[in-house]
Amino acid sequence: MKHTESTENYLKTILILSERNGYVRSIDIVRELSFSKPSVSAAMKSFREKDYINVDDDGKITLTPSGLKIAEEVYERYLILSAALIALGVDEETAFEDSCRLEHSLSEKSFDKIKRHFENQKTPSSHSRDIDVVLL
């Protein structure tokens, strides 16, 4: 199932923030993405209804299994595409920005070929889930 770019960006952001901070609140998403509070609030309501997230009594947001699956898939695309572009000589800032756009529009077939190519090259990636990444 194809998801909107906005949905993928929100869920990826929740994943990254939860790994960085240990928890996520709506205000963290507002700050990270520079979106308005009402926009984030509306998105979180929609994601609860779609069973992508849970929100506890303290306002902490966690990804459900379905939300986590989407977030991990798009984040993997971002990391691999960033690493591939950097390996090709693209500067990091441009690679991060381009990867953020490409992660949503590249076909599964093309992405799999790129992924396999760079896995076969055994190109070490300097980008892992442990580091902060540039979003949007």
Protein backbone atom coordinates (compact mmCIF):
# COMPACT_ATOMS: atom_id res chain seq x y z
CA MET A 1 0.00 0.00 0.00
CA LYS A 2 1.36 3.40 -1.01
CA HIS A 3 1.32 6.13 1.60
CA THR A 4 1.50 9.85 1.14
CA GLU A 5 4.84 11.60 1.38
CA SER A 6 3.53 13.54 4.36
CA THR A 7 2.55 10.35 6.21
CA GLU A 8 5.93 8.79 5.53
CA ASN A 9 7.77 11.93 6.71
CA TYR A 10 5.77 12.13 9.94
CA LEU A 11 6.26 8.45 10.77
CA LYS A 12 9.98 8.57 9.93
CA THR A 13 10.31 11.64 12.17
CA ILE A 14 8.55 9.87 15.04
CA LEU A 15 10.95 6.93 14.64
CA ILE A 16 14.03 9.17 14.61
CA LEU A 17 12.86 11.28 17.55
CA SER A 18 12.00 8.21 19.62
CA GLU A 19 15.48 6.80 19.01
CA ARG A 20 17.14 10.14 19.72
CA ASN A 21 15.13 11.16 22.79
CA GLY A 22 13.57 7.95 24.06
CA TYR A 23 10.09 9.41 23.66
CA VAL A 24 8.11 11.67 21.33
CA ARG A 25 5.45 14.28 22.00
CA SER A 26 3.57 16.37 19.46
CA ILE A 27 5.62 19.45 20.38
CA ASP A 28 8.80 17.55 19.46
CA ILE A 29 7.39 16.93 15.98
CA VAL A 30 6.34 20.58 15.69
CA ARG A 31 9.90 21.66 16.47
CA GLU A 32 11.60 19.05 14.30
CA LEU A 33 9.54 19.66 11.19
CA SER A 34 8.72 23.35 11.77
CA PHE A 35 5.03 22.63 11.30
CA SER A 36 2.19 24.35 13.15
CA LYS A 37 0.72 22.77 16.27
CA PRO A 38 -2.73 22.42 14.65
CA SER A 39 -1.23 20.62 11.62
CA VAL A 40 0.64 18.15 13.79
CA SER A 41 -2.38 17.64 16.02
CA ALA A 42 -4.59 16.85 13.01
CA ALA A 43 -1.99 14.44 11.63
CA MET A 44 -1.66 12.64 14.97
CA LYS A 45 -5.44 12.25 15.19
CA SER A 46 -5.48 10.76 11.70
CA PHE A 47 -2.58 8.41 12.53
CA ARG A 48 -4.35 7.20 15.70
CA GLU A 49 -7.45 6.46 13.61
CA LYS A 50 -5.34 4.57 11.05
CA ASP A 51 -3.60 2.66 13.87
CA TYR A 52 -0.14 4.01 13.04
CA ILE A 53 0.47 5.48 16.49
CA ASN A 54 -0.63 5.28 20.10
CA VAL A 55 -0.69 8.25 22.46
CA ASP A 56 -0.54 7.60 26.20
CA ASP A 57 -2.07 9.70 28.98
CA ASP A 58 1.13 11.78 29.21
CA GLY A 59 0.97 12.63 25.49
CA LYS A 60 3.85 10.35 24.55
CA ILE A 61 3.58 9.00 21.02
CA THR A 62 4.65 5.49 20.06
CA LEU A 63 4.47 3.77 16.72
CA THR A 64 2.21 0.75 16.39
CA PRO A 65 3.55 -2.26 14.47
CA SER A 66 1.98 -0.95 11.25
CA GLY A 67 3.33 2.57 11.81
CA LEU A 68 6.77 1.20 12.69
CA LYS A 69 6.86 -0.89 9.52
CA ILE A 70 6.20 2.17 7.34
CA ALA A 71 8.68 4.32 9.28
CA GLU A 72 11.45 1.71 9.09
CA GLU A 73 10.92 1.15 5.36
CA VAL A 74 11.12 4.84 4.50
CA TYR A 75 14.05 5.40 6.88
CA GLU A 76 15.94 2.52 5.30
CA ARG A 77 15.37 4.09 1.89
CA TYR A 78 16.65 7.41 3.19
CA LEU A 79 19.79 5.91 4.71
CA ILE A 80 20.66 3.77 1.70
CA LEU A 81 19.98 6.51 -0.84
CA SER A 82 22.02 9.01 1.20
CA ALA A 83 24.92 6.59 1.45
CA ALA A 84 24.70 5.77 -2.26
CA LEU A 85 24.75 9.43 -3.28
CA ILE A 86 27.65 10.19 -0.95
CA ALA A 87 29.55 7.17 -2.31
CA LEU A 88 29.04 8.64 -5.78
CA GLY A 89 30.65 11.91 -4.66
CA VAL A 90 27.61 14.02 -3.80
CA ASP A 91 28.22 16.30 -0.82
CA GLU A 92 26.40 15.26 2.36
CA GLU A 93 23.97 18.17 2.53
CA THR A 94 22.80 17.66 -1.05
CA ALA A 95 22.70 13.87 -0.60
CA PHE A 96 20.49 14.21 2.50
CA GLU A 97 18.13 16.65 0.79
CA ASP A 98 17.88 14.58 -2.41
CA SER A 99 17.42 11.34 -0.47
CA CYS A 100 14.52 12.87 1.42
CA ARG A 101 12.75 13.51 -1.88
CA LEU A 102 13.78 10.28 -3.58
CA GLU A 103 12.74 8.02 -0.71
CA HIS A 104 9.10 8.70 -1.56
CA SER A 105 9.11 8.56 -5.33
CA LEU A 106 11.61 5.87 -6.30
CA SER A 107 10.01 2.61 -7.39
CA GLU A 108 10.53 -0.50 -5.30
CA LYS A 109 12.25 -2.15 -8.25
CA SER A 110 14.79 0.67 -8.68
CA PHE A 111 15.38 0.95 -4.94
CA ASP A 112 16.03 -2.80 -4.65
CA LYS A 113 18.60 -2.59 -7.47
CA ILE A 114 20.39 0.33 -5.82
CA LYS A 115 20.32 -1.41 -2.45
CA ARG A 116 21.67 -4.67 -3.86
CA HIS A 117 24.36 -2.87 -5.85
CA PHE A 118 25.72 -1.07 -2.81
CA GLU A 119 25.39 -4.14 -0.58
CA ASN A 120 27.42 -6.09 -3.14
CA GLN A 121 30.03 -3.34 -3.17
CA LYS A 122 30.16 -3.67 0.62
CA THR A 123 30.34 0.10 0.82
CA PRO A 124 30.42 0.96 4.50
CA SER A 125 27.80 3.49 5.43
CA SER A 126 28.77 6.26 7.79
CA HIS A 127 25.07 6.74 8.44
CA SER A 128 23.41 4.50 10.94
CA ARG A 129 20.35 4.73 13.12
CA ASP A 130 22.57 5.97 15.98
CA ILE A 131 23.32 9.35 14.44
CA ASP A 132 21.13 12.34 13.95
CA VAL A 133 20.11 12.85 10.36
CA VAL A 134 18.96 15.92 8.56
CA LEU A 135 15.22 15.79 8.00
CA LEU A 136 13.50 17.55 5.16
